[in-house]
PDB file of N, CA and C in Angstrom:
ATOM      1  N   UNK A   1      20.732  -3.052   1.444  1.00  0.00           N
ATOM      2  CA  UNK A   1      19.370  -2.650   1.184  1.00  0.00           C
ATOM      3  C   UNK A   1      19.334  -1.135   1.019  1.00  0.00           C
ATOM      4  N   UNK A   2      18.698  -0.665  -0.042  1.00  0.00           N
ATOM      5  CA  UNK A   2      18.577   0.764  -0.284  1.00  0.00           C
ATOM      6  C   UNK A   2      17.386   1.332   0.470  1.00  0.00           C
ATOM      7  N   UNK A   3      17.399   2.637   0.633  1.00  0.00           N
ATOM      8  CA  UNK A   3      16.304   3.326   1.295  1.00  0.00           C
ATOM      9  C   UNK A   3      15.157   3.514   0.314  1.00  0.00           C
ATOM     10  N   UNK A   4      13.940   3.222   0.758  1.00  0.00           N
ATOM     11  CA  UNK A   4      12.744   3.431  -0.061  1.00  0.00           C
ATOM     12  C   UNK A   4      11.991   4.592   0.556  1.00  0.00           C
ATOM     13  N   UNK A   5      11.779   5.649  -0.216  1.00  0.00           N
ATOM     14  CA  UNK A   5      11.108   6.834   0.300  1.00  0.00           C
ATOM     15  C   UNK A   5       9.703   6.932  -0.277  1.00  0.00           C
ATOM     16  N   UNK A   6       8.769   7.319   0.577  1.00  0.00           N
ATOM     17  CA  UNK A   6       7.399   7.564   0.155  1.00  0.00           C
ATOM     18  C   UNK A   6       6.840   8.646   1.066  1.00  0.00           C
ATOM     19  N   UNK A   7       6.003   9.484   0.522  1.00  0.00           N
ATOM     20  CA  UNK A   7       5.366  10.519   1.331  1.00  0.00           C
ATOM     21  C   UNK A   7       3.931  10.081   1.587  1.00  0.00           C
ATOM     22  N   UNK A   8       3.576   9.980   2.859  1.00  0.00           N
ATOM     23  CA  UNK A   8       2.225   9.578   3.229  1.00  0.00           C
ATOM     24  C   UNK A   8       1.728  10.475   4.345  1.00  0.00           C
ATOM     25  N   UNK A   9       0.445  10.413   4.586  1.00  0.00           N
ATOM     26  CA  UNK A   9      -0.150  11.070   5.735  1.00  0.00           C
ATOM     27  C   UNK A   9      -0.700   9.972   6.630  1.00  0.00           C
ATOM     28  N   UNK A  10       0.009   9.616   7.702  1.00  0.00           N
ATOM     29  CA  UNK A  10      -0.469   8.547   8.569  1.00  0.00           C
ATOM     30  C   UNK A  10      -1.796   8.921   9.225  1.00  0.00           C
ATOM     31  N   UNK A  11      -2.673   7.960   9.348  1.00  0.00           N
ATOM     32  CA  UNK A  11      -3.968   8.156   9.984  1.00  0.00           C
ATOM     33  C   UNK A  11      -4.133   7.049  11.015  1.00  0.00           C
ATOM     34  N   UNK A  12      -3.979   7.389  12.273  1.00  0.00           N
ATOM     35  CA  UNK A  12      -4.026   6.368  13.319  1.00  0.00           C
ATOM     36  C   UNK A  12      -5.399   5.727  13.444  1.00  0.00           C
ATOM     37  N   UNK A  13      -6.435   6.364  12.910  1.00  0.00           N
ATOM     38  CA  UNK A  13      -7.782   5.801  12.992  1.00  0.00           C
ATOM     39  C   UNK A  13      -8.092   4.872  11.819  1.00  0.00           C
ATOM     40  N   UNK A  14      -7.250   4.879  10.807  1.00  0.00           N
ATOM     41  CA  UNK A  14      -7.517   4.065   9.619  1.00  0.00           C
ATOM     42  C   UNK A  14      -7.114   2.617   9.855  1.00  0.00           C
ATOM     43  N   UNK A  15      -7.950   1.708   9.385  1.00  0.00           N
ATOM     44  CA  UNK A  15      -7.620   0.288   9.471  1.00  0.00           C
ATOM     45  C   UNK A  15      -6.784  -0.155   8.283  1.00  0.00           C
ATOM     46  N   UNK A  16      -6.912   0.537   7.161  1.00  0.00           N
ATOM     47  CA  UNK A  16      -6.150   0.208   5.961  1.00  0.00           C
ATOM     48  C   UNK A  16      -5.608   1.491   5.355  1.00  0.00           C
ATOM     49  N   UNK A  17      -4.557   1.365   4.579  1.00  0.00           N
ATOM     50  CA  UNK A  17      -4.000   2.488   3.831  1.00  0.00           C
ATOM     51  C   UNK A  17      -3.908   2.077   2.379  1.00  0.00           C
ATOM     52  N   UNK A  18      -4.122   3.014   1.496  1.00  0.00           N
ATOM     53  CA  UNK A  18      -3.994   2.745   0.071  1.00  0.00           C
ATOM     54  C   UNK A  18      -2.723   3.413  -0.414  1.00  0.00           C
ATOM     55  N   UNK A  19      -1.867   2.629  -1.055  1.00  0.00           N
ATOM     56  CA  UNK A  19      -0.624   3.140  -1.618  1.00  0.00           C
ATOM     57  C   UNK A  19      -0.544   2.701  -3.075  1.00  0.00           C
ATOM     58  N   UNK A  20       0.281   3.379  -3.841  1.00  0.00           N
ATOM     59  CA  UNK A  20       0.479   2.966  -5.226  1.00  0.00           C
ATOM     60  C   UNK A  20       1.253   1.659  -5.253  1.00  0.00           C
ATOM     61  N   UNK A  21       1.189   0.968  -6.357  1.00  0.00           N
ATOM     62  CA  UNK A  21       1.905  -0.304  -6.488  1.00  0.00           C
ATOM     63  C   UNK A  21       3.414  -0.107  -6.428  1.00  0.00           C
ATOM     64  N   UNK A  22       3.889   1.112  -6.660  1.00  0.00           N
ATOM     65  CA  UNK A  22       5.329   1.386  -6.629  1.00  0.00           C
ATOM     66  C   UNK A  22       5.911   1.214  -5.226  1.00  0.00           C
ATOM     67  N   UNK A  23       5.127   1.468  -4.183  1.00  0.00           N
ATOM     68  CA  UNK A  23       5.648   1.370  -2.819  1.00  0.00           C
ATOM     69  C   UNK A  23       5.981  -0.068  -2.429  1.00  0.00           C
ATOM     70  N   UNK A  24       5.040  -1.029  -2.484  1.00  0.00           N
ATOM     71  CA  UNK A  24       5.433  -2.403  -2.150  1.00  0.00           C
ATOM     72  C   UNK A  24       6.446  -2.984  -3.131  1.00  0.00           C
ATOM     73  N   UNK A  25       6.390  -2.559  -4.405  1.00  0.00           N
ATOM     74  CA  UNK A  25       7.374  -3.032  -5.387  1.00  0.00           C
ATOM     75  C   UNK A  25       8.765  -2.544  -5.003  1.00  0.00           C
ATOM     76  N   UNK A  26       8.875  -1.285  -4.585  1.00  0.00           N
ATOM     77  CA  UNK A  26      10.161  -0.739  -4.153  1.00  0.00           C
ATOM     78  C   UNK A  26      10.712  -1.475  -2.946  1.00  0.00           C
ATOM     79  N   UNK A  27       9.831  -1.824  -2.001  1.00  0.00           N
ATOM     80  CA  UNK A  27      10.269  -2.586  -0.834  1.00  0.00           C
ATOM     81  C   UNK A  27      10.734  -3.978  -1.239  1.00  0.00           C
ATOM     82  N   UNK A  28       9.975  -4.645  -2.101  1.00  0.00           N
ATOM     83  CA  UNK A  28      10.347  -5.993  -2.560  1.00  0.00           C
ATOM     84  C   UNK A  28      11.660  -5.972  -3.326  1.00  0.00           C
ATOM     85  N   UNK A  29      11.823  -4.963  -4.193  1.00  0.00           N
ATOM     86  CA  UNK A  29      13.044  -4.855  -4.992  1.00  0.00           C
ATOM     87  C   UNK A  29      14.283  -4.654  -4.122  1.00  0.00           C
ATOM     88  N   UNK A  30      14.077  -4.139  -2.906  1.00  0.00           N
ATOM     89  CA  UNK A  30      15.196  -3.881  -1.999  1.00  0.00           C
ATOM     90  C   UNK A  30      15.321  -4.926  -0.900  1.00  0.00           C
ATOM     91  N   UNK A  31      14.699  -6.084  -1.091  1.00  0.00           N
ATOM     92  CA  UNK A  31      14.931  -7.197  -0.182  1.00  0.00           C
ATOM     93  C   UNK A  31      13.874  -7.477   0.863  1.00  0.00           C
ATOM     94  N   UNK A  32      12.822  -6.670   0.938  1.00  0.00           N
ATOM     95  CA  UNK A  32      11.757  -6.935   1.898  1.00  0.00           C
ATOM     96  C   UNK A  32      10.830  -7.997   1.331  1.00  0.00           C
ATOM     97  N   UNK A  33      10.538  -9.016   2.112  1.00  0.00           N
ATOM     98  CA  UNK A  33       9.682 -10.111   1.663  1.00  0.00           C
ATOM     99  C   UNK A  33       8.219  -9.725   1.875  1.00  0.00           C
ATOM    100  N   UNK A  34       7.513  -9.458   0.787  1.00  0.00           N
ATOM    101  CA  UNK A  34       6.093  -9.116   0.840  1.00  0.00           C
ATOM    102  C   UNK A  34       5.319 -10.085  -0.039  1.00  0.00           C
ATOM    103  N   UNK A  35       4.160 -10.496   0.418  1.00  0.00           N
ATOM    104  CA  UNK A  35       3.298 -11.348  -0.386  1.00  0.00           C
ATOM    105  C   UNK A  35       2.058 -10.560  -0.754  1.00  0.00           C
ATOM    106  N   UNK A  36       1.841 -10.365  -2.058  1.00  0.00           N
ATOM    107  CA  UNK A  36       0.656  -9.650  -2.505  1.00  0.00           C
ATOM    108  C   UNK A  36      -0.458 -10.645  -2.762  1.00  0.00           C
ATOM    109  N   UNK A  37      -1.621 -10.356  -2.207  1.00  0.00           N
ATOM    110  CA  UNK A  37      -2.806 -11.161  -2.432  1.00  0.00           C
ATOM    111  C   UNK A  37      -3.678 -10.443  -3.445  1.00  0.00           C
ATOM    112  N   UNK A  38      -3.937 -11.081  -4.575  1.00  0.00           N
ATOM    113  CA  UNK A  38      -4.778 -10.474  -5.589  1.00  0.00           C
ATOM    114  C   UNK A  38      -6.238 -10.568  -5.179  1.00  0.00           C
ATOM    115  N   UNK A  39      -6.989  -9.518  -5.437  1.00  0.00           N
ATOM    116  CA  UNK A  39      -8.419  -9.513  -5.180  1.00  0.00           C
ATOM    117  C   UNK A  39      -9.088 -10.059  -6.433  1.00  0.00           C
ATOM    118  N   UNK A  40      -9.842 -11.157  -6.316  1.00  0.00           N
ATOM    119  CA  UNK A  40     -10.434 -11.777  -7.503  1.00  0.00           C
ATOM    120  C   UNK A  40     -11.477 -10.879  -8.169  1.00  0.00           C
ATOM    121  N   UNK A  41     -11.688 -11.116  -9.447  1.00  0.00           N
ATOM    122  CA  UNK A  41     -12.670 -10.340 -10.195  1.00  0.00           C
ATOM    123  C   UNK A  41     -12.092  -9.039 -10.698  1.00  0.00           C
ATOM    124  N   UNK A  42     -12.948  -8.088 -10.919  1.00  0.00           N
ATOM    125  CA  UNK A  42     -12.547  -6.799 -11.484  1.00  0.00           C
ATOM    126  C   UNK A  42     -11.873  -5.899 -10.464  1.00  0.00           C
ATOM    127  N   UNK A  43     -11.887  -6.278  -9.213  1.00  0.00           N
ATOM    128  CA  UNK A  43     -11.277  -5.437  -8.185  1.00  0.00           C
ATOM    129  C   UNK A  43     -12.311  -4.597  -7.481  1.00  0.00           C
ATOM    130  N   UNK A  44     -12.028  -4.255  -6.266  1.00  0.00           N
ATOM    131  CA  UNK A  44     -12.941  -3.441  -5.473  1.00  0.00           C
ATOM    132  C   UNK A  44     -12.742  -1.977  -5.827  1.00  0.00           C
ATOM    133  N   UNK A  45     -13.752  -1.189  -5.625  1.00  0.00           N
ATOM    134  CA  UNK A  45     -13.638   0.253  -5.837  1.00  0.00           C
ATOM    135  C   UNK A  45     -13.888   0.925  -4.505  1.00  0.00           C
ATOM    136  N   UNK A  46     -12.936   1.728  -4.063  1.00  0.00           N
ATOM    137  CA  UNK A  46     -13.075   2.442  -2.802  1.00  0.00           C
ATOM    138  C   UNK A  46     -13.190   3.928  -3.098  1.00  0.00           C
ATOM    139  N   UNK A  47     -13.990   4.602  -2.330  1.00  0.00           N
ATOM    140  CA  UNK A  47     -14.151   6.040  -2.509  1.00  0.00           C
ATOM    141  C   UNK A  47     -13.271   6.752  -1.493  1.00  0.00           C
ATOM    142  N   UNK A  48     -12.401   7.605  -1.981  1.00  0.00           N
ATOM    143  CA  UNK A  48     -11.533   8.405  -1.125  1.00  0.00           C
ATOM    144  C   UNK A  48     -11.770   9.854  -1.515  1.00  0.00           C
ATOM    145  N   UNK A  49     -12.377  10.592  -0.634  1.00  0.00           N
ATOM    146  CA  UNK A  49     -12.771  11.942  -1.008  1.00  0.00           C
ATOM    147  C   UNK A  49     -13.776  11.837  -2.140  1.00  0.00           C
ATOM    148  N   UNK A  50     -13.478  12.463  -3.253  1.00  0.00           N
ATOM    149  CA  UNK A  50     -14.331  12.377  -4.435  1.00  0.00           C
ATOM    150  C   UNK A  50     -13.726  11.488  -5.504  1.00  0.00           C
ATOM    151  N   UNK A  51     -12.700  10.725  -5.164  1.00  0.00           N
ATOM    152  CA  UNK A  51     -12.012   9.891  -6.152  1.00  0.00           C
ATOM    153  C   UNK A  51     -12.463   8.443  -6.048  1.00  0.00           C
ATOM    154  N   UNK A  52     -12.577   7.790  -7.189  1.00  0.00           N
ATOM    155  CA  UNK A  52     -12.833   6.359  -7.237  1.00  0.00           C
ATOM    156  C   UNK A  52     -11.523   5.676  -7.584  1.00  0.00           C
ATOM    157  N   UNK A  53     -11.149   4.676  -6.828  1.00  0.00           N
ATOM    158  CA  UNK A  53      -9.878   3.993  -7.030  1.00  0.00           C
ATOM    159  C   UNK A  53     -10.130   2.503  -7.162  1.00  0.00           C
ATOM    160  N   UNK A  54      -9.605   1.922  -8.225  1.00  0.00           N
ATOM    161  CA  UNK A  54      -9.711   0.488  -8.432  1.00  0.00           C
ATOM    162  C   UNK A  54      -8.612  -0.202  -7.635  1.00  0.00           C
ATOM    163  N   UNK A  55      -8.987  -1.165  -6.822  1.00  0.00           N
ATOM    164  CA  UNK A  55      -8.032  -1.887  -5.983  1.00  0.00           C
ATOM    165  C   UNK A  55      -7.930  -3.312  -6.503  1.00  0.00           C
ATOM    166  N   UNK A  56      -6.708  -3.736  -6.834  1.00  0.00           N
ATOM    167  CA  UNK A  56      -6.534  -5.065  -7.426  1.00  0.00           C
ATOM    168  C   UNK A  56      -5.800  -6.044  -6.519  1.00  0.00           C
ATOM    169  N   UNK A  57      -5.241  -5.562  -5.412  1.00  0.00           N
ATOM    170  CA  UNK A  57      -4.501  -6.460  -4.533  1.00  0.00           C
ATOM    171  C   UNK A  57      -4.302  -5.861  -3.161  1.00  0.00           C
ATOM    172  N   UNK A  58      -3.803  -6.692  -2.263  1.00  0.00           N
ATOM    173  CA  UNK A  58      -3.505  -6.202  -0.919  1.00  0.00           C
ATOM    174  C   UNK A  58      -2.197  -6.807  -0.430  1.00  0.00           C
ATOM    175  N   UNK A  59      -1.502  -6.040   0.397  1.00  0.00           N
ATOM    176  CA  UNK A  59      -0.250  -6.472   1.001  1.00  0.00           C
ATOM    177  C   UNK A  59      -0.342  -6.139   2.478  1.00  0.00           C
ATOM    178  N   UNK A  60      -0.045  -7.102   3.325  1.00  0.00           N
ATOM    179  CA  UNK A  60      -0.052  -6.861   4.766  1.00  0.00           C
ATOM    180  C   UNK A  60       1.314  -6.314   5.153  1.00  0.00           C
ATOM    181  N   UNK A  61       1.325  -5.161   5.822  1.00  0.00           N
ATOM    182  CA  UNK A  61       2.573  -4.514   6.196  1.00  0.00           C
ATOM    183  C   UNK A  61       2.524  -4.097   7.658  1.00  0.00           C
ATOM    184  N   UNK A  62       3.657  -4.109   8.310  1.00  0.00           N
ATOM    185  CA  UNK A  62       3.799  -3.600   9.670  1.00  0.00           C
ATOM    186  C   UNK A  62       4.809  -2.464   9.584  1.00  0.00           C
ATOM    187  N   UNK A  63       4.303  -1.250   9.427  1.00  0.00           N
ATOM    188  CA  UNK A  63       5.181  -0.102   9.194  1.00  0.00           C
ATOM    189  C   UNK A  63       5.377   0.702  10.473  1.00  0.00           C
ATOM    190  N   UNK A  64       6.566   1.251  10.610  1.00  0.00           N
ATOM    191  CA  UNK A  64       6.878   2.149  11.716  1.00  0.00           C
ATOM    192  C   UNK A  64       7.409   3.443  11.112  1.00  0.00           C
ATOM    193  N   UNK A  65       6.977   4.554  11.663  1.00  0.00           N
ATOM    194  CA  UNK A  65       7.332   5.845  11.094  1.00  0.00           C
ATOM    195  C   UNK A  65       8.180   6.649  12.065  1.00  0.00           C
ATOM    196  N   UNK A  66       9.165   7.342  11.533  1.00  0.00           N
ATOM    197  CA  UNK A  66       9.959   8.295  12.297  1.00  0.00           C
ATOM    198  C   UNK A  66       9.551   9.672  11.837  1.00  0.00           C
ATOM    199  N   UNK A  67       9.018  10.473  12.748  1.00  0.00           N
ATOM    200  CA  UNK A  67       8.558  11.813  12.363  1.00  0.00           C
ATOM    201  C   UNK A  67       9.319  12.860  13.114  1.00  0.00           C
TER     202      UNK A  67
END
């Protein structure tokens, strides 16, 4: 299994994190079993700062960080 690198800012108060599709794809490509659940319809729009982001799916992850 290869190392998958991503730069994030962990937020212990957040219930969800938004990542690009490249992150779960990179994990899946390297042998991690992830199931993506598609959000039906046009997708939800979440506001992050002043940005609008279209969300088309979700993946449940249990991540641990070494800092």
